[in-house]
Protein backbone atom coordinates (compact mmCIF):
# COMPACT_ATOMS: atom_id res chain seq x y z
CA MET A 1 -39.78 -27.82 4.78
CA MET A 2 -37.96 -28.39 1.15
CA LYS A 3 -39.57 -25.80 -0.26
CA LYS A 4 -38.69 -23.21 2.91
CA SER A 5 -35.19 -24.59 2.54
CA LEU A 6 -34.69 -24.03 -1.26
CA PHE A 7 -36.36 -20.77 -0.60
CA LEU A 8 -33.62 -19.61 1.95
CA LEU A 9 -30.95 -21.02 -0.15
CA ALA A 10 -32.02 -19.00 -3.10
CA MET A 11 -32.08 -15.67 -0.92
CA LEU A 12 -28.60 -16.46 0.17
CA VAL A 13 -27.12 -17.19 -3.02
CA MET A 14 -28.93 -14.02 -4.39
CA SER A 15 -27.71 -11.89 -1.65
CA PHE A 16 -24.27 -13.01 -1.66
CA GLY A 17 -24.53 -12.21 -5.53
CA PHE A 18 -25.38 -8.38 -4.66
CA PHE A 19 -22.93 -8.09 -2.27
CA ILE A 20 -20.25 -9.28 -4.68
CA SER A 21 -21.49 -6.73 -7.46
CA CYS A 22 -21.54 -3.88 -4.76
CA ASP A 23 -17.47 -4.07 -4.40
CA ASN A 24 -16.48 -0.69 -5.41
CA ASP A 25 -13.04 -2.14 -7.21
CA ASP A 26 -12.76 0.69 -9.58
CA ASP A 27 -8.87 -0.24 -10.28
CA THR A 28 -8.18 1.20 -13.76
CA GLN A 29 -4.99 0.90 -15.69
CA ILE A 30 -3.64 3.84 -16.91
CA SER A 31 -0.49 5.37 -18.63
CA TYR A 32 2.50 6.94 -16.88
CA GLN A 33 1.74 10.29 -18.10
CA LYS A 34 -1.86 10.30 -16.07
CA LEU A 35 0.28 10.01 -12.53
CA PRO A 36 0.40 13.55 -10.93
CA VAL A 37 3.88 14.85 -11.40
CA ALA A 38 4.94 14.69 -8.15
CA ALA A 39 4.82 10.57 -8.41
CA GLN A 40 6.09 10.86 -11.70
CA GLU A 41 9.08 12.96 -9.93
CA PHE A 42 8.96 10.47 -7.09
CA VAL A 43 9.53 7.57 -9.76
CA GLU A 44 12.20 8.91 -11.34
CA SER A 45 14.20 9.64 -8.52
CA TYR A 46 13.71 6.57 -6.60
CA PHE A 47 13.06 4.03 -9.35
CA GLU A 48 15.42 4.81 -12.11
CA GLY A 49 15.62 2.23 -14.01
CA SER A 50 13.16 -0.31 -12.84
CA THR A 51 10.71 -1.64 -15.19
CA ILE A 52 7.03 -0.61 -14.47
CA MET A 53 4.49 -3.55 -14.77
CA ALA A 54 1.22 -1.31 -14.38
CA ILE A 55 -0.18 1.30 -13.12
CA PHE A 56 -3.77 1.58 -11.49
CA TYR A 57 -5.74 4.19 -10.58
CA ASP A 58 -8.61 3.36 -7.65
CA LYS A 59 -11.08 5.75 -7.14
CA ASP A 60 -13.16 5.05 -4.61
CA PHE A 61 -16.05 6.85 -2.61
CA SER A 62 -13.94 9.50 -0.66
CA ASP A 63 -10.56 8.89 -2.15
CA ARG A 64 -8.32 8.89 -5.02
CA GLU A 65 -5.14 6.68 -5.33
CA TYR A 66 -2.48 5.59 -7.83
CA LYS A 67 -0.40 2.66 -7.52
CA VAL A 68 2.70 1.75 -9.53
CA THR A 69 4.08 -2.07 -9.66
CA PHE A 70 7.31 -2.90 -10.97
CA LEU A 71 8.77 -6.27 -12.45
CA ASP A 72 10.94 -6.88 -9.27
CA GLY A 73 8.17 -6.73 -7.24
CA SER A 74 8.09 -3.30 -6.13
CA SER A 75 5.36 -0.94 -5.40
CA VAL A 76 4.37 2.41 -4.60
CA SER A 77 1.00 4.12 -3.92
CA PHE A 78 0.20 7.71 -4.18
CA ASP A 79 -2.14 9.92 -3.36
CA ARG A 80 -4.40 12.33 -5.53
CA SER A 81 -1.58 15.27 -5.03
CA GLY A 82 1.66 12.32 -6.01
CA GLU A 83 2.57 12.32 -2.27
CA TRP A 84 3.43 8.23 -1.60
CA GLU A 85 1.40 6.80 0.97
CA GLU A 86 2.69 3.23 0.89
CA ILE A 87 6.07 1.59 -0.29
CA TYR A 88 6.75 -1.54 -0.48
CA MET A 89 10.23 -3.34 -1.64
CA PRO A 90 10.63 -6.77 -1.21
CA PHE A 91 14.70 -6.84 -1.19
CA GLY A 92 14.79 -3.57 1.32
CA ILE A 93 13.65 0.03 0.90
CA ASP A 94 16.28 2.50 0.34
CA ALA A 95 17.60 4.43 3.14
CA ASP A 96 16.83 7.93 1.55
CA LEU A 97 13.09 6.97 1.56
CA ILE A 98 13.09 6.45 5.58
CA PRO A 99 13.22 9.14 7.65
CA ILE A 100 16.40 8.96 10.13
CA LYS A 101 14.94 8.83 13.13
CA ILE A 102 12.79 5.39 12.34
CA LEU A 103 16.40 4.54 10.43
CA ASP A 104 18.14 4.64 13.97
CA PHE A 105 15.52 3.33 16.11
CA VAL A 106 15.54 -0.21 13.39
CA ASP A 107 19.68 -0.51 13.16
CA ALA A 108 19.91 -0.59 17.00
CA ARG A 109 16.97 -3.04 17.73
CA HIS A 110 16.95 -4.58 14.74
CA PRO A 111 20.43 -4.35 13.21
CA ASN A 112 20.00 -7.65 10.98
CA ALA A 113 16.58 -6.38 9.50
CA ARG A 114 15.86 -4.84 6.48
CA ILE A 115 12.82 -2.38 6.25
CA ILE A 116 10.57 -3.94 3.13
CA GLN A 117 7.82 -1.74 3.72
CA ILE A 118 6.65 1.77 5.11
CA ASP A 119 2.77 3.19 5.09
CA ARG A 120 1.90 6.80 5.82
CA ASP A 121 -1.29 8.12 6.88
CA ARG A 122 -2.64 11.15 9.10
CA ARG A 123 -2.71 9.38 12.16
CA ASP A 124 1.05 7.12 12.13
CA ILE A 125 3.59 5.71 10.47
CA GLU A 126 3.81 1.60 9.93
CA ILE A 127 6.57 -0.48 8.51
CA GLU A 128 7.66 -3.79 8.09
CA LEU A 129 10.78 -5.29 8.58
CA SER A 130 12.19 -8.58 6.86
CA ASN A 131 11.97 -10.54 10.04
CA GLY A 132 8.23 -9.98 9.74
CA LEU A 133 8.07 -7.44 12.68
CA ASP A 134 5.58 -4.57 12.22
CA LEU A 135 6.43 -1.45 13.94
CA ILE A 136 4.43 2.31 14.83
CA PHE A 137 5.54 4.96 15.02
CA ASP A 138 3.83 8.64 15.08
CA LEU A 139 4.05 11.67 12.62
CA ASN A 140 7.09 12.84 14.43
CA TYR A 141 8.75 9.52 14.00
CA ASN A 142 8.74 8.41 17.70
CA PHE A 143 8.39 4.79 18.19
CA VAL A 144 5.09 3.87 19.37
CA ARG A 145 4.32 0.04 19.92
CA TYR A 146 5.01 -2.97 17.75
CA ASP A 147 2.09 -4.32 15.99
CA ASP A 148 1.05 -8.18 15.36
């Protein structure tokens, strides 16, 4: 019985190690010049004067992503062509980066909250407010629902 328990424990530890080693965390730190031109232009336009802490390139099985992090805690993720996918600014995202229809909705229903994160993908746009609420919008900027 003891040998069987030890064998099972050893198998469990080995399988855990196998799954950990299969984690495809291929983040590579890169230089600013290796960002796509569109991403460089975005950073220069909206983060002028901000100090870049690090830039990472992540190549997954089916996708490539760049992430720029700044000294103030802000970050922007870009797709392979340099279009932003996610913007996080802990003190509030500049209004210039938020579609006016979304800004109007938030101003009308949550006037004391700031938008601190916006994510967009092929299906929808998700924003996080400084009060902790997450809101989902369709790609035409129509409110869909609150998210948990």
